[in-house]
Amino acid sequence: MSKRIDIDKMSLEVVRTLEAYQDVTIDIMTRAVKETAKETVQELNVTSPEGATGDYKKSWAYKRDRSLKGSRRFDMVVYSKKPDYRLTHLLEKGHAKVNGGRVQGKPHIAPAEKNAIARLETKIKRYIREVKEE
């Protein structure tokens, strides 16, 4: 004996289930991205060159990138605040000296970015596993 299922009811139930999963994954992504941005700022505060005043090291911050459109987008930008943002490329890549020669760069942004990508992947996988276990 087979049961008959109304196709309209089935499609509504599938849509409801997918919407619930979507809400959960958006929450997971939001949480993981915020935490990763915060940790990346902390890492840059530690690994950045100090300089004479230490202002560059303290200038790191993060914010949501409002220029990106769409309700399903959640991106954070890690950046160096004014006026120290001008130093990022020079300190990362190195630069020429006034009287000749060259100052070696001190890579600190690229390693932090690489670590952030790995941390974000790990966090997302862990948070999804936690939801599945509930």
N, C-alpha and C. Protein backbone atom coordinates (compact mmCIF):
# COMPACT_ATOMS: atom_id res chain seq x y z
N MET A 1 0.83 -1.17 0.00
CA MET A 1 0.00 0.00 0.00
C MET A 1 0.89 1.24 0.00
N SER A 2 0.71 2.07 -0.96
CA SER A 2 1.54 3.26 -1.07
C SER A 2 0.75 4.49 -0.65
N LYS A 3 1.48 5.44 -0.12
CA LYS A 3 0.85 6.70 0.29
C LYS A 3 1.00 7.71 -0.83
N ARG A 4 0.00 8.50 -0.98
CA ARG A 4 0.07 9.58 -1.97
C ARG A 4 0.38 10.88 -1.23
N ILE A 5 1.30 11.63 -1.81
CA ILE A 5 1.68 12.92 -1.24
C ILE A 5 1.33 13.99 -2.25
N ASP A 6 0.67 15.00 -1.76
CA ASP A 6 0.34 16.13 -2.63
C ASP A 6 1.64 16.86 -2.97
N ILE A 7 1.91 17.00 -4.24
CA ILE A 7 3.16 17.60 -4.69
C ILE A 7 3.32 19.04 -4.21
N ASP A 8 2.24 19.78 -4.09
CA ASP A 8 2.32 21.16 -3.61
C ASP A 8 2.77 21.20 -2.15
N LYS A 9 2.24 20.29 -1.34
CA LYS A 9 2.66 20.23 0.07
C LYS A 9 4.12 19.81 0.19
N MET A 10 4.52 18.89 -0.64
CA MET A 10 5.91 18.43 -0.59
C MET A 10 6.85 19.57 -0.98
N SER A 11 6.52 20.29 -2.04
CA SER A 11 7.40 21.38 -2.47
C SER A 11 7.47 22.48 -1.41
N LEU A 12 6.36 22.76 -0.74
CA LEU A 12 6.37 23.76 0.33
C LEU A 12 7.26 23.31 1.49
N GLU A 13 7.19 22.04 1.81
CA GLU A 13 8.01 21.52 2.91
C GLU A 13 9.50 21.56 2.55
N VAL A 14 9.82 21.24 1.31
CA VAL A 14 11.22 21.31 0.86
C VAL A 14 11.71 22.75 0.92
N VAL A 15 10.90 23.69 0.48
CA VAL A 15 11.28 25.11 0.51
C VAL A 15 11.48 25.56 1.95
N ARG A 16 10.58 25.19 2.86
CA ARG A 16 10.73 25.56 4.28
C ARG A 16 12.02 25.01 4.87
N THR A 17 12.34 23.77 4.55
CA THR A 17 13.56 23.15 5.06
C THR A 17 14.80 23.87 4.52
N LEU A 18 14.80 24.17 3.25
CA LEU A 18 15.94 24.87 2.67
C LEU A 18 16.09 26.28 3.24
N GLU A 19 15.00 26.96 3.48
CA GLU A 19 15.07 28.30 4.08
C GLU A 19 15.63 28.24 5.50
N ALA A 20 15.23 27.22 6.25
CA ALA A 20 15.76 27.06 7.61
C ALA A 20 17.26 26.80 7.56
N TYR A 21 17.70 25.96 6.64
CA TYR A 21 19.12 25.67 6.49
C TYR A 21 19.88 26.92 6.06
N GLN A 22 19.28 27.70 5.17
CA GLN A 22 19.89 28.94 4.71
C GLN A 22 20.10 29.91 5.87
N ASP A 23 19.10 30.06 6.72
CA ASP A 23 19.22 30.95 7.88
C ASP A 23 20.36 30.51 8.80
N VAL A 24 20.45 29.21 9.02
CA VAL A 24 21.51 28.68 9.88
C VAL A 24 22.87 28.94 9.27
N THR A 25 23.02 28.68 7.98
CA THR A 25 24.33 28.88 7.35
C THR A 25 24.72 30.35 7.28
N ILE A 26 23.76 31.24 7.10
CA ILE A 26 24.07 32.67 7.11
C ILE A 26 24.56 33.09 8.50
N ASP A 27 23.91 32.59 9.55
CA ASP A 27 24.36 32.89 10.91
C ASP A 27 25.78 32.36 11.15
N ILE A 28 26.04 31.15 10.66
CA ILE A 28 27.37 30.56 10.81
C ILE A 28 28.41 31.39 10.09
N MET A 29 28.12 31.77 8.86
CA MET A 29 29.07 32.56 8.08
C MET A 29 29.33 33.92 8.74
N THR A 30 28.27 34.56 9.20
CA THR A 30 28.41 35.87 9.84
C THR A 30 29.31 35.77 11.06
N ARG A 31 29.04 34.79 11.89
CA ARG A 31 29.84 34.60 13.12
C ARG A 31 31.30 34.28 12.78
N ALA A 32 31.52 33.37 11.84
CA ALA A 32 32.89 32.98 11.48
C ALA A 32 33.67 34.14 10.88
N VAL A 33 33.04 34.91 10.01
CA VAL A 33 33.73 36.03 9.36
C VAL A 33 34.09 37.11 10.39
N LYS A 34 33.17 37.44 11.28
CA LYS A 34 33.46 38.45 12.31
C LYS A 34 34.61 38.01 13.21
N GLU A 35 34.54 36.76 13.68
CA GLU A 35 35.59 36.26 14.57
C GLU A 35 36.94 36.24 13.86
N THR A 36 36.95 35.82 12.61
CA THR A 36 38.21 35.74 11.86
C THR A 36 38.79 37.14 11.64
N ALA A 37 37.96 38.11 11.34
CA ALA A 37 38.44 39.48 11.16
C ALA A 37 39.05 40.00 12.45
N LYS A 38 38.38 39.75 13.56
CA LYS A 38 38.89 40.21 14.85
C LYS A 38 40.24 39.54 15.17
N GLU A 39 40.35 38.26 14.92
CA GLU A 39 41.60 37.54 15.18
C GLU A 39 42.72 38.01 14.25
N THR A 40 42.37 38.35 13.02
CA THR A 40 43.37 38.84 12.08
C THR A 40 43.92 40.20 12.52
N VAL A 41 43.06 41.06 13.02
CA VAL A 41 43.51 42.35 13.56
C VAL A 41 44.45 42.11 14.73
N GLN A 42 44.11 41.19 15.61
CA GLN A 42 44.98 40.89 16.75
C GLN A 42 46.33 40.36 16.28
N GLU A 43 46.31 39.50 15.25
CA GLU A 43 47.56 38.97 14.71
C GLU A 43 48.41 40.08 14.11
N LEU A 44 47.79 40.99 13.37
CA LEU A 44 48.53 42.09 12.76
C LEU A 44 49.07 43.05 13.82
N ASN A 45 48.36 43.22 14.92
CA ASN A 45 48.86 44.06 16.02
C ASN A 45 50.13 43.47 16.61
N VAL A 46 50.27 42.17 16.55
CA VAL A 46 51.46 41.51 17.09
C VAL A 46 52.59 41.46 16.06
N THR A 47 52.28 41.13 14.81
CA THR A 47 53.32 40.87 13.81
C THR A 47 53.76 42.09 13.01
N SER A 48 53.04 43.19 13.07
CA SER A 48 53.41 44.38 12.30
C SER A 48 54.68 45.01 12.86
N PRO A 49 55.48 45.65 11.98
CA PRO A 49 56.66 46.37 12.45
C PRO A 49 56.25 47.49 13.41
N GLU A 50 57.04 47.68 14.44
CA GLU A 50 56.65 48.63 15.49
C GLU A 50 56.95 50.07 15.14
N GLY A 51 58.12 50.32 14.59
CA GLY A 51 58.48 51.71 14.27
C GLY A 51 58.83 52.48 15.53
N ALA A 52 59.01 53.78 15.38
CA ALA A 52 59.44 54.62 16.50
C ALA A 52 58.32 54.81 17.52
N THR A 53 57.09 55.00 17.06
CA THR A 53 55.99 55.32 17.98
C THR A 53 55.07 54.14 18.25
N GLY A 54 55.07 53.14 17.37
CA GLY A 54 54.16 52.01 17.53
C GLY A 54 52.76 52.28 17.01
N ASP A 55 52.58 53.46 16.39
CA ASP A 55 51.25 53.81 15.89
C ASP A 55 50.78 52.90 14.77
N TYR A 56 51.71 52.51 13.88
CA TYR A 56 51.34 51.64 12.76
C TYR A 56 50.79 50.31 13.28
N LYS A 57 51.47 49.79 14.26
CA LYS A 57 51.08 48.50 14.83
C LYS A 57 49.67 48.57 15.44
N LYS A 58 49.33 49.70 15.99
CA LYS A 58 48.03 49.88 16.66
C LYS A 58 46.93 50.32 15.70
N SER A 59 47.28 50.59 14.45
CA SER A 59 46.31 51.18 13.53
C SER A 59 45.37 50.18 12.87
N TRP A 60 45.53 48.89 13.12
CA TRP A 60 44.72 47.88 12.45
C TRP A 60 43.31 47.82 13.03
N ALA A 61 42.34 47.68 12.13
CA ALA A 61 40.93 47.60 12.53
C ALA A 61 40.18 46.77 11.49
N TYR A 62 38.91 46.50 11.75
CA TYR A 62 38.08 45.81 10.76
C TYR A 62 36.69 46.44 10.75
N LYS A 63 36.02 46.28 9.61
CA LYS A 63 34.67 46.80 9.46
C LYS A 63 33.97 46.00 8.36
N ARG A 64 32.67 46.15 8.31
CA ARG A 64 31.90 45.52 7.24
C ARG A 64 32.07 46.34 5.97
N ASP A 65 32.24 45.65 4.86
CA ASP A 65 32.40 46.33 3.58
C ASP A 65 31.02 46.68 3.04
N ARG A 66 30.61 47.90 3.22
CA ARG A 66 29.27 48.34 2.83
C ARG A 66 29.14 48.58 1.32
N SER A 67 30.25 48.58 0.60
CA SER A 67 30.17 48.81 -0.84
C SER A 67 29.64 47.58 -1.57
N LEU A 68 29.68 46.42 -0.92
CA LEU A 68 29.17 45.21 -1.55
C LEU A 68 27.67 45.13 -1.36
N LYS A 69 26.96 44.83 -2.41
CA LYS A 69 25.50 44.81 -2.39
C LYS A 69 25.00 43.38 -2.21
N GLY A 70 23.81 43.26 -1.68
CA GLY A 70 23.16 41.96 -1.58
C GLY A 70 22.92 41.57 -0.14
N SER A 71 21.77 41.01 0.12
CA SER A 71 21.43 40.64 1.49
C SER A 71 22.16 39.37 1.94
N ARG A 72 22.65 38.60 1.01
CA ARG A 72 23.34 37.35 1.34
C ARG A 72 24.84 37.52 1.43
N ARG A 73 25.32 38.75 1.39
CA ARG A 73 26.76 38.99 1.43
C ARG A 73 27.14 39.49 2.81
N PHE A 74 28.17 38.94 3.34
CA PHE A 74 28.70 39.46 4.59
C PHE A 74 30.21 39.39 4.52
N ASP A 75 30.83 40.50 4.25
CA ASP A 75 32.27 40.58 4.11
C ASP A 75 32.81 41.57 5.12
N MET A 76 33.97 41.29 5.64
CA MET A 76 34.66 42.19 6.54
C MET A 76 35.97 42.60 5.88
N VAL A 77 36.38 43.81 6.15
CA VAL A 77 37.63 44.33 5.63
C VAL A 77 38.54 44.62 6.82
N VAL A 78 39.74 44.09 6.77
CA VAL A 78 40.76 44.41 7.75
C VAL A 78 41.62 45.49 7.11
N TYR A 79 41.81 46.59 7.81
CA TYR A 79 42.51 47.73 7.21
C TYR A 79 43.33 48.47 8.25
N SER A 80 44.22 49.31 7.76
CA SER A 80 45.01 50.19 8.61
C SER A 80 44.38 51.58 8.56
N LYS A 81 44.13 52.14 9.73
CA LYS A 81 43.45 53.45 9.81
C LYS A 81 44.38 54.58 9.36
N LYS A 82 43.77 55.74 9.12
CA LYS A 82 44.52 56.94 8.74
C LYS A 82 45.44 57.33 9.88
N PRO A 83 46.56 57.91 9.65
CA PRO A 83 47.27 58.11 8.39
C PRO A 83 48.20 56.95 8.06
N ASP A 84 48.16 55.89 8.88
CA ASP A 84 49.14 54.80 8.74
C ASP A 84 48.87 53.88 7.57
N TYR A 85 47.70 53.97 6.95
CA TYR A 85 47.41 53.11 5.81
C TYR A 85 48.40 53.33 4.67
N ARG A 86 49.01 54.50 4.64
CA ARG A 86 49.97 54.83 3.58
C ARG A 86 51.25 54.00 3.70
N LEU A 87 51.51 53.46 4.85
CA LEU A 87 52.75 52.72 5.08
C LEU A 87 52.64 51.24 4.73
N THR A 88 51.44 50.72 4.57
CA THR A 88 51.27 49.27 4.44
C THR A 88 52.09 48.69 3.30
N HIS A 89 52.00 49.26 2.13
CA HIS A 89 52.73 48.72 0.97
C HIS A 89 54.24 48.87 1.16
N LEU A 90 54.67 50.01 1.67
CA LEU A 90 56.11 50.24 1.85
C LEU A 90 56.70 49.26 2.86
N LEU A 91 56.01 49.02 3.95
CA LEU A 91 56.53 48.12 4.97
C LEU A 91 56.43 46.65 4.54
N GLU A 92 55.39 46.32 3.80
CA GLU A 92 55.20 44.93 3.35
C GLU A 92 56.19 44.56 2.25
N LYS A 93 56.39 45.45 1.29
CA LYS A 93 57.19 45.14 0.09
C LYS A 93 58.59 45.72 0.11
N GLY A 94 58.86 46.69 0.98
CA GLY A 94 60.16 47.36 0.97
C GLY A 94 60.10 48.60 0.10
N HIS A 95 61.17 49.41 0.15
CA HIS A 95 61.19 50.65 -0.63
C HIS A 95 62.62 51.14 -0.80
N ALA A 96 62.79 52.06 -1.73
CA ALA A 96 64.11 52.64 -2.00
C ALA A 96 64.42 53.69 -0.94
N LYS A 97 65.70 53.81 -0.58
CA LYS A 97 66.13 54.85 0.35
C LYS A 97 66.41 56.14 -0.41
N VAL A 98 66.37 57.25 0.31
CA VAL A 98 66.61 58.55 -0.32
C VAL A 98 68.02 58.63 -0.90
N ASN A 99 69.03 58.15 -0.18
CA ASN A 99 70.42 58.25 -0.62
C ASN A 99 70.90 56.99 -1.33
N GLY A 100 69.99 56.23 -1.87
CA GLY A 100 70.36 55.00 -2.58
C GLY A 100 70.23 53.79 -1.67
N GLY A 101 70.15 52.66 -2.30
CA GLY A 101 69.97 51.44 -1.54
C GLY A 101 68.49 51.10 -1.39
N ARG A 102 68.25 50.10 -0.62
CA ARG A 102 66.89 49.62 -0.50
C ARG A 102 66.63 49.13 0.92
N VAL A 103 65.42 49.36 1.39
CA VAL A 103 64.97 48.85 2.68
C VAL A 103 64.18 47.58 2.40
N GLN A 104 64.54 46.50 3.06
CA GLN A 104 63.84 45.23 2.87
C GLN A 104 62.43 45.31 3.45
N GLY A 105 61.51 44.68 2.79
CA GLY A 105 60.15 44.61 3.29
C GLY A 105 60.04 43.63 4.46
N LYS A 106 59.02 43.83 5.27
CA LYS A 106 58.75 42.92 6.39
C LYS A 106 57.34 42.37 6.19
N PRO A 107 57.23 41.24 5.49
CA PRO A 107 55.91 40.70 5.20
C PRO A 107 55.14 40.40 6.49
N HIS A 108 54.01 41.05 6.64
CA HIS A 108 53.16 40.80 7.80
C HIS A 108 51.70 40.73 7.39
N ILE A 109 51.35 41.35 6.29
CA ILE A 109 49.95 41.34 5.82
C ILE A 109 49.64 40.03 5.09
N ALA A 110 50.52 39.62 4.18
CA ALA A 110 50.28 38.39 3.41
C ALA A 110 50.18 37.15 4.32
N PRO A 111 51.09 36.98 5.29
CA PRO A 111 50.93 35.83 6.18
C PRO A 111 49.64 35.89 7.01
N ALA A 112 49.25 37.10 7.44
CA ALA A 112 48.01 37.23 8.21
C ALA A 112 46.81 36.87 7.35
N GLU A 113 46.85 37.26 6.08
CA GLU A 113 45.75 36.92 5.15
C GLU A 113 45.67 35.41 4.96
N LYS A 114 46.81 34.79 4.76
CA LYS A 114 46.85 33.34 4.57
C LYS A 114 46.31 32.61 5.80
N ASN A 115 46.71 33.06 6.98
CA ASN A 115 46.21 32.47 8.22
C ASN A 115 44.71 32.69 8.38
N ALA A 116 44.23 33.86 7.98
CA ALA A 116 42.80 34.17 8.09
C ALA A 116 41.97 33.25 7.21
N ILE A 117 42.44 32.98 6.02
CA ILE A 117 41.71 32.09 5.10
C ILE A 117 41.61 30.69 5.71
N ALA A 118 42.72 30.21 6.23
CA ALA A 118 42.71 28.87 6.84
C ALA A 118 41.81 28.84 8.08
N ARG A 119 41.89 29.88 8.91
CA ARG A 119 41.04 29.94 10.12
C ARG A 119 39.56 29.99 9.76
N LEU A 120 39.22 30.77 8.74
CA LEU A 120 37.83 30.89 8.33
C LEU A 120 37.27 29.55 7.86
N GLU A 121 38.02 28.84 7.04
CA GLU A 121 37.58 27.52 6.58
C GLU A 121 37.36 26.57 7.76
N THR A 122 38.30 26.57 8.69
CA THR A 122 38.20 25.70 9.85
C THR A 122 36.98 26.04 10.70
N LYS A 123 36.77 27.32 10.93
CA LYS A 123 35.62 27.76 11.75
C LYS A 123 34.30 27.36 11.10
N ILE A 124 34.17 27.60 9.80
CA ILE A 124 32.92 27.27 9.13
C ILE A 124 32.63 25.78 9.22
N LYS A 125 33.64 24.96 8.95
CA LYS A 125 33.46 23.51 9.04
C LYS A 125 33.07 23.09 10.45
N ARG A 126 33.75 23.66 11.45
CA ARG A 126 33.46 23.30 12.85
C ARG A 126 32.05 23.72 13.25
N TYR A 127 31.65 24.93 12.88
CA TYR A 127 30.31 25.41 13.25
C TYR A 127 29.21 24.61 12.56
N ILE A 128 29.42 24.21 11.32
CA ILE A 128 28.43 23.39 10.62
C ILE A 128 28.33 22.01 11.27
N ARG A 129 29.49 21.45 11.67
CA ARG A 129 29.48 20.16 12.38
C ARG A 129 28.71 20.27 13.69
N GLU A 130 28.91 21.39 14.41
CA GLU A 130 28.20 21.58 15.67
C GLU A 130 26.69 21.64 15.48
N VAL A 131 26.26 22.27 14.39
CA VAL A 131 24.81 22.36 14.10
C VAL A 131 24.27 20.98 13.75
N LYS A 132 25.03 20.20 13.00
CA LYS A 132 24.58 18.86 12.62
C LYS A 132 24.43 17.96 13.85
N GLU A 133 25.32 18.15 14.83
CA GLU A 133 25.29 17.31 16.03
C GLU A 133 24.11 17.64 16.95
N GLU A 134 23.57 18.84 16.82
CA GLU A 134 22.45 19.24 17.69
C GLU A 134 21.18 18.55 17.34
